[in-house]
Amino acid sequence: MGGQYRITGDKYPRMRRPRGRRRLVFLVVASVTALGLVGWGTLQLIDVFTGKGDKATAAGTKGDCTSTAGPSAKATATSTSTTSTTSTAAGTLPRPGQITVNVLNATPRSGLAKQTADELKKRGFRIGDVGNATAAYDKKVNGAGILLGAKGAAQAALPVLGTQLSGAEVKTDGRAQADQVDLIIGTAFKSLTKKEDADKALATLSGPRPAASASAKSC
């Protein structure tokens, strides 16, 4: 172009990018960032008010209950379980004076049933029949003896009587009376257990027994 609008020199005006577009980009990025922060904060508040954080803490405590429990806590738990079991066991075991024993001789030796019955009577047992064993057992018991009673006596009268004769075999039959049992003397019988040892065995049987659940993990 000529005249007053003629361009002279070797420099030309530069075209600048409009500033409005950069501002728009900046505002968009800032808005997205702000929304992200608000969303994250909202999730944290939801976790607090819904108790998810407490559940996680409780789960961690439950998993570590064994390692954090001290010796005194374990001893207390064991003591409580043992006391409960002891009272139950002691309540189910009859005393010798509540048990009637039929003393039957399955050996060729005479007088053995009466001698044994007299000794059991001195130890507090009630004595029932005294005599020879029935044909089903006569001269057929090779061990020290057989303790025979009702099924209900298996955890009551028979263990108590068993403290008086070591090595005796325990059997049950269909009789109804759980407090009346038989002591069938076998060919290997020599004598009853010494009274001192029998008393200790009876005291142990009636005393505290470890509970099966004492070693179980409980939180």
Protein backbone atom coordinates (compact mmCIF):
# COMPACT_ATOMS: atom_id res chain seq x y z
CA MET A 1 0.00 0.00 0.00
CA GLY A 2 1.31 3.42 -0.69
CA GLY A 3 0.89 6.81 0.76
CA GLN A 4 0.60 7.25 4.44
CA TYR A 5 -0.24 3.55 4.99
CA ARG A 6 2.91 2.25 3.38
CA ILE A 7 4.85 -0.25 5.51
CA THR A 8 8.51 0.44 5.81
CA GLY A 9 11.37 -1.32 7.63
CA ASP A 10 12.12 -5.02 8.23
CA LYS A 11 9.94 -5.59 11.39
CA TYR A 12 6.35 -6.73 11.28
CA PRO A 13 3.79 -6.67 14.05
CA ARG A 14 3.29 -10.07 15.88
CA MET A 15 -0.12 -11.62 16.41
CA ARG A 16 -0.80 -12.37 20.14
CA ARG A 17 -3.02 -15.23 21.37
CA PRO A 18 -6.09 -13.88 23.03
CA ARG A 19 -5.74 -13.81 26.83
CA GLY A 20 -9.36 -14.92 27.34
CA ARG A 21 -8.63 -18.53 26.27
CA ARG A 22 -5.81 -19.02 28.79
CA ARG A 23 -8.00 -17.73 31.57
CA LEU A 24 -10.69 -20.18 30.58
CA VAL A 25 -8.26 -23.14 30.69
CA PHE A 26 -6.96 -22.05 34.10
CA LEU A 27 -10.45 -21.78 35.51
CA VAL A 28 -11.37 -25.26 34.23
CA VAL A 29 -8.27 -26.87 35.80
CA ALA A 30 -8.84 -25.07 39.09
CA SER A 31 -12.49 -26.14 39.17
CA VAL A 32 -11.63 -29.81 38.57
CA THR A 33 -9.01 -29.74 41.31
CA ALA A 34 -11.40 -28.12 43.76
CA LEU A 35 -14.13 -30.67 42.98
CA GLY A 36 -11.65 -33.52 43.55
CA LEU A 37 -10.65 -32.17 46.95
CA VAL A 38 -14.28 -31.68 47.97
CA GLY A 39 -15.13 -35.25 46.91
CA TRP A 40 -12.21 -36.75 48.84
CA GLY A 41 -13.16 -34.78 51.95
CA THR A 42 -16.77 -35.94 51.63
CA LEU A 43 -15.69 -39.61 51.51
CA GLN A 44 -13.61 -39.15 54.66
CA LEU A 45 -16.57 -37.65 56.48
CA ILE A 46 -18.80 -40.53 55.36
CA ASP A 47 -16.30 -43.06 56.73
CA VAL A 48 -16.21 -41.26 60.08
CA PHE A 49 -19.97 -41.01 60.51
CA THR A 50 -20.77 -44.50 59.24
CA GLY A 51 -18.22 -46.13 61.57
CA LYS A 52 -16.08 -47.89 58.96
CA GLY A 53 -12.97 -46.64 60.69
CA ASP A 54 -14.18 -48.16 63.99
CA LYS A 55 -14.83 -51.48 62.26
CA ALA A 56 -11.29 -51.56 60.94
CA THR A 57 -9.93 -50.78 64.40
CA ALA A 58 -12.12 -53.46 65.95
CA ALA A 59 -10.95 -55.99 63.37
CA GLY A 60 -7.32 -55.21 64.16
CA THR A 61 -7.96 -55.57 67.90
CA LYS A 62 -9.69 -58.91 67.38
CA GLY A 63 -6.81 -60.28 65.36
CA ASP A 64 -4.27 -59.24 68.00
CA CYS A 65 -6.21 -60.34 71.09
CA THR A 66 -3.98 -63.36 71.69
CA SER A 67 -0.74 -61.42 71.49
CA THR A 68 -1.93 -58.51 73.63
CA ALA A 69 -3.51 -60.60 76.40
CA GLY A 70 -1.21 -60.74 79.39
CA PRO A 71 -0.46 -63.80 81.57
CA SER A 72 -2.86 -62.60 84.26
CA ALA A 73 -5.76 -62.42 81.80
CA LYS A 74 -5.06 -65.94 80.54
CA ALA A 75 -4.80 -67.26 84.10
CA THR A 76 -8.14 -65.67 85.02
CA ALA A 77 -9.89 -67.24 82.01
CA THR A 78 -8.43 -70.67 82.82
CA SER A 79 -9.39 -70.38 86.47
CA THR A 80 -13.00 -69.49 85.61
CA SER A 81 -13.39 -72.41 83.20
CA THR A 82 -11.80 -74.85 85.64
CA THR A 83 -14.07 -73.78 88.50
CA SER A 84 -17.16 -74.28 86.35
CA THR A 85 -16.05 -77.75 85.23
CA THR A 86 -15.05 -78.77 88.74
CA SER A 87 -18.42 -77.98 90.25
CA THR A 88 -20.18 -79.94 87.50
CA ALA A 89 -17.89 -82.98 87.76
CA ALA A 90 -17.97 -83.09 91.54
CA GLY A 91 -21.76 -82.93 91.49
CA THR A 92 -22.08 -86.02 89.26
CA LEU A 93 -19.75 -88.32 91.20
CA PRO A 94 -21.37 -90.28 94.02
CA ARG A 95 -19.62 -90.94 97.31
CA PRO A 96 -18.61 -94.54 98.17
CA GLY A 97 -21.48 -94.71 100.67
CA GLN A 98 -23.95 -94.10 97.83
CA ILE A 99 -22.71 -97.06 95.79
CA THR A 100 -23.80 -100.66 96.33
CA VAL A 101 -21.21 -103.20 95.17
CA ASN A 102 -21.95 -106.83 94.37
CA VAL A 103 -18.69 -108.73 94.84
CA LEU A 104 -18.55 -111.84 92.66
CA ASN A 105 -15.72 -114.36 92.45
CA ALA A 106 -14.86 -115.68 88.98
CA THR A 107 -11.76 -117.58 90.16
CA PRO A 108 -11.28 -121.09 91.64
CA ARG A 109 -10.02 -119.56 94.90
CA SER A 110 -12.63 -119.76 97.64
CA GLY A 111 -13.38 -116.99 100.11
CA LEU A 112 -12.00 -114.26 97.81
CA ALA A 113 -15.34 -112.53 97.33
CA LYS A 114 -16.03 -112.20 101.07
CA GLN A 115 -12.53 -110.98 101.84
CA THR A 116 -12.78 -108.31 99.13
CA ALA A 117 -16.28 -107.30 100.19
CA ASP A 118 -15.17 -106.81 103.81
CA GLU A 119 -12.35 -104.52 102.71
CA LEU A 120 -14.64 -102.46 100.49
CA LYS A 121 -17.07 -102.09 103.38
CA LYS A 122 -14.27 -100.68 105.54
CA ARG A 123 -13.59 -98.13 102.79
CA GLY A 124 -17.17 -96.87 102.93
CA PHE A 125 -18.90 -98.79 100.14
CA ARG A 126 -22.24 -100.50 100.63
CA ILE A 127 -22.15 -104.23 99.95
CA GLY A 128 -24.82 -106.13 98.07
CA ASP A 129 -24.54 -109.73 96.91
CA VAL A 130 -21.39 -111.69 97.73
CA GLY A 131 -20.71 -115.00 96.00
CA ASN A 132 -19.63 -116.71 92.81
CA ALA A 133 -19.84 -115.09 89.39
CA THR A 134 -22.49 -116.14 86.90
CA ALA A 135 -21.74 -118.70 84.20
CA ALA A 136 -21.08 -115.91 81.69
CA TYR A 137 -18.02 -114.82 83.69
CA ASP A 138 -17.07 -117.74 85.94
CA LYS A 139 -13.42 -118.65 85.26
CA LYS A 140 -13.50 -116.48 82.13
CA VAL A 141 -12.00 -113.27 83.52
CA ASN A 142 -8.25 -113.35 82.97
CA GLY A 143 -7.44 -109.87 84.25
CA ALA A 144 -7.63 -108.39 87.72
CA GLY A 145 -11.37 -107.99 87.45
CA ILE A 146 -14.34 -106.47 85.70
CA LEU A 147 -16.41 -103.53 86.89
CA LEU A 148 -19.92 -103.95 85.52
CA GLY A 149 -22.84 -101.53 85.79
CA ALA A 150 -25.54 -99.58 84.02
CA LYS A 151 -24.70 -97.16 81.23
CA GLY A 152 -25.53 -94.32 83.58
CA ALA A 153 -22.82 -95.55 85.96
CA ALA A 154 -20.04 -95.20 83.38
CA GLN A 155 -19.36 -91.60 84.42
CA ALA A 156 -20.38 -91.99 88.06
CA ALA A 157 -20.28 -95.15 90.20
CA LEU A 158 -17.90 -97.17 88.03
CA PRO A 159 -15.02 -94.63 88.02
CA VAL A 160 -15.36 -94.29 91.81
CA LEU A 161 -15.18 -98.06 92.29
CA GLY A 162 -12.32 -98.18 89.77
CA THR A 163 -10.10 -96.27 92.19
CA GLN A 164 -10.14 -99.36 94.42
CA LEU A 165 -8.92 -101.86 91.83
CA SER A 166 -6.18 -100.88 89.39
CA GLY A 167 -6.29 -102.48 85.95
CA ALA A 168 -9.93 -103.54 86.15
CA GLU A 169 -11.93 -103.64 82.93
CA VAL A 170 -15.05 -101.47 82.83
CA LYS A 171 -18.22 -102.70 81.12
CA THR A 172 -21.87 -101.68 81.04
CA ASP A 173 -25.08 -103.66 80.70
CA GLY A 174 -28.80 -103.01 80.51
CA ARG A 175 -29.60 -102.78 84.20
CA ALA A 176 -31.65 -99.83 85.42
CA GLN A 177 -29.96 -99.03 88.74
CA ALA A 178 -26.93 -96.80 88.20
CA ASP A 179 -25.92 -96.91 91.88
CA GLN A 180 -25.56 -100.71 92.03
CA VAL A 181 -22.52 -102.21 90.29
CA ASP A 182 -20.65 -105.52 90.17
CA LEU A 183 -17.02 -106.18 90.95
CA ILE A 184 -16.16 -109.50 89.29
CA ILE A 185 -12.83 -110.80 90.55
CA GLY A 186 -10.56 -112.24 87.84
CA THR A 187 -7.76 -114.79 87.95
CA ALA A 188 -5.03 -112.09 87.94
CA PHE A 189 -6.49 -110.47 91.07
CA LYS A 190 -4.11 -110.22 94.02
CA SER A 191 -5.64 -107.54 96.21
CA LEU A 192 -7.42 -104.23 96.11
CA THR A 193 -5.38 -101.08 95.56
CA LYS A 194 -3.73 -99.93 98.78
CA LYS A 195 -6.08 -97.71 100.71
CA GLU A 196 -3.67 -94.76 100.70
CA ASP A 197 -3.31 -94.93 96.91
CA ALA A 198 -7.04 -95.49 96.44
CA ASP A 199 -7.84 -92.44 98.56
CA LYS A 200 -5.45 -90.31 96.49
CA ALA A 201 -7.00 -91.58 93.26
CA LEU A 202 -10.48 -90.86 94.58
CA ALA A 203 -9.47 -87.34 95.65
CA THR A 204 -7.97 -86.69 92.21
CA LEU A 205 -11.10 -88.02 90.52
CA SER A 206 -13.36 -85.79 92.59
CA GLY A 207 -11.03 -82.77 92.42
CA PRO A 208 -10.57 -80.07 89.79
CA ARG A 209 -10.30 -81.22 86.18
CA PRO A 210 -9.00 -79.03 83.34
CA ALA A 211 -11.79 -77.76 81.13
CA ALA A 212 -11.58 -78.61 77.44
CA SER A 213 -12.46 -75.04 76.50
CA ALA A 214 -9.79 -73.43 78.70
CA SER A 215 -7.19 -73.43 75.91
CA ALA A 216 -9.63 -72.19 73.29
CA LYS A 217 -9.03 -68.70 71.92
CA SER A 218 -11.62 -66.26 73.14
CA CYS A 219 -11.72 -62.51 72.56
